[in-house]
């Protein structure tokens, strides 16, 4: 059973929104750690802070890559639906 064009679009739109929310959350957490580090009166362990920020950044990049593939899949599949619908 094939999904309709609207159902496909809705599915990809929902997936896209979810990934964007996750990316925004990771970016907000990264900024919170950076702000906390700059506001910290006592010395933090520099390598630990770098590791935390790097990990958050790496996950955000992975999510951005996943978002890119979702957008690509959406564009390619929807263009197929349009092309096959014009026949």
PDB file of N, CA and C in Angstrom:
ATOM      1  N   UNK A   1       0.837  -1.173   0.000  1.00  0.00           N
ATOM      2  CA  UNK A   1       0.000   0.000   0.000  1.00  0.00           C
ATOM      3  C   UNK A   1       0.891   1.248   0.000  1.00  0.00           C
ATOM      4  N   UNK A   2       0.749   2.075  -0.994  1.00  0.00           N
ATOM      5  CA  UNK A   2       1.564   3.272  -1.112  1.00  0.00           C
ATOM      6  C   UNK A   2       0.941   4.415  -0.322  1.00  0.00           C
ATOM      7  N   UNK A   3       1.827   5.231   0.212  1.00  0.00           N
ATOM      8  CA  UNK A   3       1.351   6.409   0.933  1.00  0.00           C
ATOM      9  C   UNK A   3       0.992   7.489  -0.078  1.00  0.00           C
ATOM     10  N   UNK A   4      -0.006   8.257   0.253  1.00  0.00           N
ATOM     11  CA  UNK A   4      -0.371   9.366  -0.619  1.00  0.00           C
ATOM     12  C   UNK A   4       0.680  10.462  -0.507  1.00  0.00           C
ATOM     13  N   UNK A   5       0.659  11.373  -1.456  1.00  0.00           N
ATOM     14  CA  UNK A   5       1.610  12.489  -1.439  1.00  0.00           C
ATOM     15  C   UNK A   5       1.472  13.295  -0.146  1.00  0.00           C
ATOM     16  N   UNK A   6       0.235  13.541   0.275  1.00  0.00           N
ATOM     17  CA  UNK A   6       0.010  14.304   1.515  1.00  0.00           C
ATOM     18  C   UNK A   6       0.514  13.561   2.741  1.00  0.00           C
ATOM     19  N   UNK A   7       0.303  12.258   2.780  1.00  0.00           N
ATOM     20  CA  UNK A   7       0.775  11.460   3.913  1.00  0.00           C
ATOM     21  C   UNK A   7       2.301  11.455   3.964  1.00  0.00           C
ATOM     22  N   UNK A   8       2.948  11.340   2.797  1.00  0.00           N
ATOM     23  CA  UNK A   8       4.416  11.397   2.745  1.00  0.00           C
ATOM     24  C   UNK A   8       4.914  12.754   3.214  1.00  0.00           C
ATOM     25  N   UNK A   9       4.299  13.787   2.704  1.00  0.00           N
ATOM     26  CA  UNK A   9       4.707  15.146   3.075  1.00  0.00           C
ATOM     27  C   UNK A   9       4.525  15.358   4.579  1.00  0.00           C
ATOM     28  N   UNK A  10       3.409  14.915   5.125  1.00  0.00           N
ATOM     29  CA  UNK A  10       3.151  15.057   6.563  1.00  0.00           C
ATOM     30  C   UNK A  10       4.183  14.306   7.392  1.00  0.00           C
ATOM     31  N   UNK A  11       4.518  13.083   6.955  1.00  0.00           N
ATOM     32  CA  UNK A  11       5.503  12.279   7.677  1.00  0.00           C
ATOM     33  C   UNK A  11       6.860  12.970   7.689  1.00  0.00           C
ATOM     34  N   UNK A  12       7.314  13.448   6.516  1.00  0.00           N
ATOM     35  CA  UNK A  12       8.619  14.109   6.442  1.00  0.00           C
ATOM     36  C   UNK A  12       8.611  15.444   7.172  1.00  0.00           C
ATOM     37  N   UNK A  13       7.509  16.170   7.090  1.00  0.00           N
ATOM     38  CA  UNK A  13       7.413  17.437   7.814  1.00  0.00           C
ATOM     39  C   UNK A  13       7.532  17.205   9.325  1.00  0.00           C
ATOM     40  N   UNK A  14       6.854  16.172   9.822  1.00  0.00           N
ATOM     41  CA  UNK A  14       6.915  15.853  11.252  1.00  0.00           C
ATOM     42  C   UNK A  14       8.329  15.442  11.647  1.00  0.00           C
ATOM     43  N   UNK A  15       8.962  14.630  10.826  1.00  0.00           N
ATOM     44  CA  UNK A  15      10.329  14.190  11.107  1.00  0.00           C
ATOM     45  C   UNK A  15      11.296  15.377  11.081  1.00  0.00           C
ATOM     46  N   UNK A  16      11.084  16.261  10.130  1.00  0.00           N
ATOM     47  CA  UNK A  16      11.911  17.458  10.009  1.00  0.00           C
ATOM     48  C   UNK A  16      11.757  18.351  11.248  1.00  0.00           C
ATOM     49  N   UNK A  17      10.524  18.568  11.683  1.00  0.00           N
ATOM     50  CA  UNK A  17      10.266  19.388  12.876  1.00  0.00           C
ATOM     51  C   UNK A  17      10.920  18.781  14.115  1.00  0.00           C
ATOM     52  N   UNK A  18      10.796  17.469  14.249  1.00  0.00           N
ATOM     53  CA  UNK A  18      11.374  16.775  15.407  1.00  0.00           C
ATOM     54  C   UNK A  18      12.898  16.917  15.427  1.00  0.00           C
ATOM     55  N   UNK A  19      13.530  16.742  14.298  1.00  0.00           N
ATOM     56  CA  UNK A  19      14.985  16.889  14.222  1.00  0.00           C
ATOM     57  C   UNK A  19      15.409  18.322  14.516  1.00  0.00           C
ATOM     58  N   UNK A  20      14.666  19.292  14.002  1.00  0.00           N
ATOM     59  CA  UNK A  20      15.007  20.696  14.266  1.00  0.00           C
ATOM     60  C   UNK A  20      14.879  21.017  15.752  1.00  0.00           C
ATOM     61  N   UNK A  21      13.873  20.472  16.409  1.00  0.00           N
ATOM     62  CA  UNK A  21      13.710  20.690  17.859  1.00  0.00           C
ATOM     63  C   UNK A  21      14.869  20.078  18.623  1.00  0.00           C
ATOM     64  N   UNK A  22      15.292  18.893  18.198  1.00  0.00           N
ATOM     65  CA  UNK A  22      16.425  18.254  18.859  1.00  0.00           C
ATOM     66  C   UNK A  22      17.702  19.071  18.669  1.00  0.00           C
ATOM     67  N   UNK A  23      17.928  19.551  17.455  1.00  0.00           N
ATOM     68  CA  UNK A  23      19.108  20.369  17.166  1.00  0.00           C
ATOM     69  C   UNK A  23      19.084  21.632  18.018  1.00  0.00           C
ATOM     70  N   UNK A  24      17.947  22.298  18.071  1.00  0.00           N
ATOM     71  CA  UNK A  24      17.825  23.523  18.869  1.00  0.00           C
ATOM     72  C   UNK A  24      18.104  23.244  20.346  1.00  0.00           C
ATOM     73  N   UNK A  25      17.665  22.101  20.833  1.00  0.00           N
ATOM     74  CA  UNK A  25      17.901  21.738  22.231  1.00  0.00           C
ATOM     75  C   UNK A  25      19.386  21.539  22.498  1.00  0.00           C
ATOM     76  N   UNK A  26      20.058  20.814  21.609  1.00  0.00           N
ATOM     77  CA  UNK A  26      21.500  20.604  21.783  1.00  0.00           C
ATOM     78  C   UNK A  26      22.258  21.928  21.698  1.00  0.00           C
ATOM     79  N   UNK A  27      21.860  22.798  20.784  1.00  0.00           N
ATOM     80  CA  UNK A  27      22.522  24.099  20.675  1.00  0.00           C
ATOM     81  C   UNK A  27      22.286  24.947  21.920  1.00  0.00           C
ATOM     82  N   UNK A  28      21.085  24.893  22.473  1.00  0.00           N
ATOM     83  CA  UNK A  28      20.783  25.639  23.699  1.00  0.00           C
ATOM     84  C   UNK A  28      21.617  25.100  24.869  1.00  0.00           C
ATOM     85  N   UNK A  29      21.756  23.789  24.945  1.00  0.00           N
ATOM     86  CA  UNK A  29      22.568  23.188  26.012  1.00  0.00           C
ATOM     87  C   UNK A  29      24.036  23.572  25.860  1.00  0.00           C
ATOM     88  N   UNK A  30      24.513  23.604  24.627  1.00  0.00           N
ATOM     89  CA  UNK A  30      25.897  24.024  24.376  1.00  0.00           C
ATOM     90  C   UNK A  30      26.104  25.450  24.861  1.00  0.00           C
ATOM     91  N   UNK A  31      25.176  26.334  24.509  1.00  0.00           N
ATOM     92  CA  UNK A  31      25.286  27.724  24.939  1.00  0.00           C
ATOM     93  C   UNK A  31      25.202  27.840  26.459  1.00  0.00           C
ATOM     94  N   UNK A  32      24.365  27.030  27.083  1.00  0.00           N
ATOM     95  CA  UNK A  32      24.242  27.057  28.544  1.00  0.00           C
ATOM     96  C   UNK A  32      25.563  26.654  29.203  1.00  0.00           C
ATOM     97  N   UNK A  33      26.202  25.636  28.668  1.00  0.00           N
ATOM     98  CA  UNK A  33      27.494  25.205  29.218  1.00  0.00           C
ATOM     99  C   UNK A  33      28.534  26.307  29.024  1.00  0.00           C
ATOM    100  N   UNK A  34      28.564  26.908  27.828  1.00  0.00           N
ATOM    101  CA  UNK A  34      29.531  27.982  27.572  1.00  0.00           C
ATOM    102  C   UNK A  34      29.281  29.181  28.492  1.00  0.00           C
ATOM    103  N   UNK A  35      28.010  29.549  28.659  1.00  0.00           N
ATOM    104  CA  UNK A  35      27.680  30.667  29.555  1.00  0.00           C
ATOM    105  C   UNK A  35      28.036  30.347  31.005  1.00  0.00           C
ATOM    106  N   UNK A  36      27.750  29.120  31.418  1.00  0.00           N
ATOM    107  CA  UNK A  36      28.079  28.704  32.777  1.00  0.00           C
ATOM    108  C   UNK A  36      29.581  28.746  32.993  1.00  0.00           C
ATOM    109  N   UNK A  37      30.344  28.296  31.988  1.00  0.00           N
ATOM    110  CA  UNK A  37      31.804  28.291  32.116  1.00  0.00           C
ATOM    111  C   UNK A  37      32.348  29.710  32.214  1.00  0.00           C
ATOM    112  N   UNK A  38      31.762  30.632  31.469  1.00  0.00           N
ATOM    113  CA  UNK A  38      32.261  32.008  31.514  1.00  0.00           C
ATOM    114  C   UNK A  38      31.827  32.729  32.791  1.00  0.00           C
ATOM    115  N   UNK A  39      30.702  32.304  33.382  1.00  0.00           N
ATOM    116  CA  UNK A  39      30.198  32.930  34.611  1.00  0.00           C
ATOM    117  C   UNK A  39      30.747  32.277  35.884  1.00  0.00           C
ATOM    118  N   UNK A  40      31.379  31.124  35.718  1.00  0.00           N
ATOM    119  CA  UNK A  40      31.836  30.338  36.871  1.00  0.00           C
ATOM    120  C   UNK A  40      32.941  31.073  37.619  1.00  0.00           C
ATOM    121  N   UNK A  41      32.720  31.271  38.887  1.00  0.00           N
ATOM    122  CA  UNK A  41      33.728  31.952  39.707  1.00  0.00           C
ATOM    123  C   UNK A  41      34.877  31.006  40.041  1.00  0.00           C
ATOM    124  N   UNK A  42      34.547  29.769  40.309  1.00  0.00           N
ATOM    125  CA  UNK A  42      35.606  28.799  40.595  1.00  0.00           C
ATOM    126  C   UNK A  42      36.054  28.176  39.290  1.00  0.00           C
ATOM    127  N   UNK A  43      37.244  27.712  39.300  1.00  0.00           N
ATOM    128  CA  UNK A  43      37.827  27.155  38.088  1.00  0.00           C
ATOM    129  C   UNK A  43      37.211  25.793  37.758  1.00  0.00           C
ATOM    130  N   UNK A  44      36.815  25.638  36.525  1.00  0.00           N
ATOM    131  CA  UNK A  44      36.319  24.351  36.041  1.00  0.00           C
ATOM    132  C   UNK A  44      37.467  23.617  35.369  1.00  0.00           C
ATOM    133  N   UNK A  45      37.324  22.324  35.287  1.00  0.00           N
ATOM    134  CA  UNK A  45      38.331  21.523  34.597  1.00  0.00           C
ATOM    135  C   UNK A  45      38.167  21.753  33.094  1.00  0.00           C
ATOM    136  N   UNK A  46      39.151  22.402  32.483  1.00  0.00           N
ATOM    137  CA  UNK A  46      39.062  22.827  31.090  1.00  0.00           C
ATOM    138  C   UNK A  46      38.776  21.657  30.144  1.00  0.00           C
ATOM    139  N   UNK A  47      39.486  20.537  30.308  1.00  0.00           N
ATOM    140  CA  UNK A  47      39.294  19.397  29.407  1.00  0.00           C
ATOM    141  C   UNK A  47      37.903  18.787  29.550  1.00  0.00           C
ATOM    142  N   UNK A  48      37.369  18.801  30.771  1.00  0.00           N
ATOM    143  CA  UNK A  48      36.010  18.272  30.976  1.00  0.00           C
ATOM    144  C   UNK A  48      34.984  19.144  30.263  1.00  0.00           C
ATOM    145  N   UNK A  49      35.140  20.460  30.374  1.00  0.00           N
ATOM    146  CA  UNK A  49      34.216  21.374  29.700  1.00  0.00           C
ATOM    147  C   UNK A  49      34.343  21.220  28.183  1.00  0.00           C
ATOM    148  N   UNK A  50      35.569  21.118  27.686  1.00  0.00           N
ATOM    149  CA  UNK A  50      35.776  20.913  26.246  1.00  0.00           C
ATOM    150  C   UNK A  50      35.117  19.619  25.780  1.00  0.00           C
ATOM    151  N   UNK A  51      35.240  18.563  26.575  1.00  0.00           N
ATOM    152  CA  UNK A  51      34.639  17.278  26.220  1.00  0.00           C
ATOM    153  C   UNK A  51      33.120  17.380  26.176  1.00  0.00           C
ATOM    154  N   UNK A  52      32.536  18.059  27.149  1.00  0.00           N
ATOM    155  CA  UNK A  52      31.077  18.221  27.194  1.00  0.00           C
ATOM    156  C   UNK A  52      30.594  19.010  25.980  1.00  0.00           C
ATOM    157  N   UNK A  53      31.239  20.139  25.703  1.00  0.00           N
ATOM    158  CA  UNK A  53      30.831  20.988  24.573  1.00  0.00           C
ATOM    159  C   UNK A  53      31.050  20.255  23.251  1.00  0.00           C
ATOM    160  N   UNK A  54      32.160  19.539  23.131  1.00  0.00           N
ATOM    161  CA  UNK A  54      32.432  18.785  21.896  1.00  0.00           C
ATOM    162  C   UNK A  54      31.399  17.690  21.671  1.00  0.00           C
ATOM    163  N   UNK A  55      31.019  17.014  22.726  1.00  0.00           N
ATOM    164  CA  UNK A  55      30.020  15.948  22.611  1.00  0.00           C
ATOM    165  C   UNK A  55      28.669  16.514  22.180  1.00  0.00           C
ATOM    166  N   UNK A  56      28.261  17.602  22.809  1.00  0.00           N
ATOM    167  CA  UNK A  56      27.002  18.248  22.424  1.00  0.00           C
ATOM    168  C   UNK A  56      27.051  18.694  20.965  1.00  0.00           C
ATOM    169  N   UNK A  57      28.162  19.274  20.567  1.00  0.00           N
ATOM    170  CA  UNK A  57      28.316  19.755  19.186  1.00  0.00           C
ATOM    171  C   UNK A  57      28.290  18.594  18.191  1.00  0.00           C
ATOM    172  N   UNK A  58      28.962  17.510  18.521  1.00  0.00           N
ATOM    173  CA  UNK A  58      29.010  16.345  17.631  1.00  0.00           C
ATOM    174  C   UNK A  58      27.618  15.758  17.425  1.00  0.00           C
ATOM    175  N   UNK A  59      26.847  15.660  18.491  1.00  0.00           N
ATOM    176  CA  UNK A  59      25.481  15.128  18.368  1.00  0.00           C
ATOM    177  C   UNK A  59      24.627  16.067  17.519  1.00  0.00           C
ATOM    178  N   UNK A  60      24.777  17.379  17.725  1.00  0.00           N
ATOM    179  CA  UNK A  60      24.019  18.347  16.927  1.00  0.00           C
ATOM    180  C   UNK A  60      24.385  18.216  15.449  1.00  0.00           C
ATOM    181  N   UNK A  61      25.664  18.014  15.153  1.00  0.00           N
ATOM    182  CA  UNK A  61      26.089  17.819  13.756  1.00  0.00           C
ATOM    183  C   UNK A  61      25.504  16.532  13.172  1.00  0.00           C
ATOM    184  N   UNK A  62      25.489  15.475  13.956  1.00  0.00           N
ATOM    185  CA  UNK A  62      24.882  14.213  13.496  1.00  0.00           C
ATOM    186  C   UNK A  62      23.400  14.414  13.181  1.00  0.00           C
ATOM    187  N   UNK A  63      22.712  15.158  14.028  1.00  0.00           N
ATOM    188  CA  UNK A  63      21.294  15.437  13.789  1.00  0.00           C
ATOM    189  C   UNK A  63      21.098  16.304  12.550  1.00  0.00           C
ATOM    190  N   UNK A  64      22.006  17.267  12.330  1.00  0.00           N
ATOM    191  CA  UNK A  64      21.923  18.092  11.128  1.00  0.00           C
ATOM    192  C   UNK A  64      22.135  17.264   9.869  1.00  0.00           C
ATOM    193  N   UNK A  65      23.031  16.293   9.941  1.00  0.00           N
ATOM    194  CA  UNK A  65      23.236  15.390   8.807  1.00  0.00           C
ATOM    195  C   UNK A  65      21.987  14.553   8.563  1.00  0.00           C
ATOM    196  N   UNK A  66      21.398  14.056   9.634  1.00  0.00           N
ATOM    197  CA  UNK A  66      20.155  13.289   9.508  1.00  0.00           C
ATOM    198  C   UNK A  66      19.046  14.154   8.909  1.00  0.00           C
ATOM    199  N   UNK A  67      18.960  15.401   9.336  1.00  0.00           N
ATOM    200  CA  UNK A  67      17.974  16.337   8.796  1.00  0.00           C
ATOM    201  C   UNK A  67      18.206  16.559   7.305  1.00  0.00           C
ATOM    202  N   UNK A  68      19.453  16.682   6.910  1.00  0.00           N
ATOM    203  CA  UNK A  68      19.788  16.846   5.502  1.00  0.00           C
ATOM    204  C   UNK A  68      19.273  15.667   4.680  1.00  0.00           C
ATOM    205  N   UNK A  69      19.482  14.438   5.177  1.00  0.00           N
ATOM    206  CA  UNK A  69      19.018  13.253   4.457  1.00  0.00           C
ATOM    207  C   UNK A  69      17.500  13.166   4.404  1.00  0.00           C
ATOM    208  N   UNK A  70      16.842  13.583   5.476  1.00  0.00           N
ATOM    209  CA  UNK A  70      15.372  13.602   5.459  1.00  0.00           C
ATOM    210  C   UNK A  70      14.885  14.582   4.400  1.00  0.00           C
ATOM    211  N   UNK A  71      15.499  15.755   4.359  1.00  0.00           N
ATOM    212  CA  UNK A  71      15.098  16.752   3.358  1.00  0.00           C
ATOM    213  C   UNK A  71      15.387  16.274   1.949  1.00  0.00           C
ATOM    214  N   UNK A  72      16.507  15.601   1.756  1.00  0.00           N
ATOM    215  CA  UNK A  72      16.844  15.061   0.439  1.00  0.00           C
ATOM    216  C   UNK A  72      15.847  13.981   0.026  1.00  0.00           C
ATOM    217  N   UNK A  73      15.577  13.049   0.936  1.00  0.00           N
ATOM    218  CA  UNK A  73      14.610  11.982   0.649  1.00  0.00           C
ATOM    219  C   UNK A  73      13.239  12.574   0.322  1.00  0.00           C
ATOM    220  N   UNK A  74      12.839  13.575   1.089  1.00  0.00           N
ATOM    221  CA  UNK A  74      11.558  14.242   0.864  1.00  0.00           C
ATOM    222  C   UNK A  74      11.518  14.864  -0.532  1.00  0.00           C
ATOM    223  N   UNK A  75      12.574  15.580  -0.886  1.00  0.00           N
ATOM    224  CA  UNK A  75      12.619  16.236  -2.193  1.00  0.00           C
ATOM    225  C   UNK A  75      12.603  15.222  -3.332  1.00  0.00           C
ATOM    226  N   UNK A  76      13.384  14.173  -3.197  1.00  0.00           N
ATOM    227  CA  UNK A  76      13.458  13.173  -4.268  1.00  0.00           C
ATOM    228  C   UNK A  76      12.156  12.394  -4.412  1.00  0.00           C
ATOM    229  N   UNK A  77      11.585  11.979  -3.313  1.00  0.00           N
ATOM    230  CA  UNK A  77      10.350  11.185  -3.380  1.00  0.00           C
ATOM    231  C   UNK A  77       9.160  12.024  -3.819  1.00  0.00           C
ATOM    232  N   UNK A  78       9.079  13.250  -3.340  1.00  0.00           N
ATOM    233  CA  UNK A  78       7.961  14.092  -3.752  1.00  0.00           C
ATOM    234  C   UNK A  78       8.079  14.478  -5.222  1.00  0.00           C
ATOM    235  N   UNK A  79       9.319  14.635  -5.699  1.00  0.00           N
ATOM    236  CA  UNK A  79       9.469  14.935  -7.124  1.00  0.00           C
ATOM    237  C   UNK A  79       9.068  13.722  -7.962  1.00  0.00           C
ATOM    238  N   UNK A  80       9.303  12.500  -7.448  1.00  0.00           N
ATOM    239  CA  UNK A  80       8.854  11.281  -8.134  1.00  0.00           C
ATOM    240  C   UNK A  80       7.335  11.242  -8.207  1.00  0.00           C
ATOM    241  N   UNK A  81       6.702  11.616  -7.095  1.00  0.00           N
ATOM    242  CA  UNK A  81       5.231  11.600  -7.045  1.00  0.00           C
ATOM    243  C   UNK A  81       4.673  12.603  -8.057  1.00  0.00           C
ATOM    244  N   UNK A  82       5.300  13.777  -8.139  1.00  0.00           N
ATOM    245  CA  UNK A  82       4.845  14.796  -9.089  1.00  0.00           C
ATOM    246  C   UNK A  82       5.051  14.321 -10.514  1.00  0.00           C
ATOM    247  N   UNK A  83       6.225  13.741 -10.810  1.00  0.00           N
ATOM    248  CA  UNK A  83       6.528  13.257 -12.154  1.00  0.00           C
ATOM    249  C   UNK A  83       5.585  12.125 -12.542  1.00  0.00           C
ATOM    250  N   UNK A  84       5.383  11.163 -11.622  1.00  0.00           N
ATOM    251  CA  UNK A  84       4.503  10.042 -11.959  1.00  0.00           C
ATOM    252  C   UNK A  84       3.049  10.481 -12.038  1.00  0.00           C
ATOM    253  N   UNK A  85       2.699  11.523 -11.320  1.00  0.00           N
ATOM    254  CA  UNK A  85       1.329  12.040 -11.377  1.00  0.00           C
ATOM    255  C   UNK A  85       1.028  12.782 -12.669  1.00  0.00           C
ATOM    256  N   UNK A  86       2.071  13.230 -13.362  1.00  0.00           N
ATOM    257  CA  UNK A  86       1.881  13.972 -14.612  1.00  0.00           C
ATOM    258  C   UNK A  86       1.800  13.051 -15.819  1.00  0.00           C
ATOM    259  N   UNK A  87       1.931  11.782 -15.622  1.00  0.00           N
ATOM    260  CA  UNK A  87       1.882  10.849 -16.757  1.00  0.00           C
ATOM    261  C   UNK A  87       0.481  10.521 -17.163  1.00  0.00           C
TER     262      UNK A  87
END
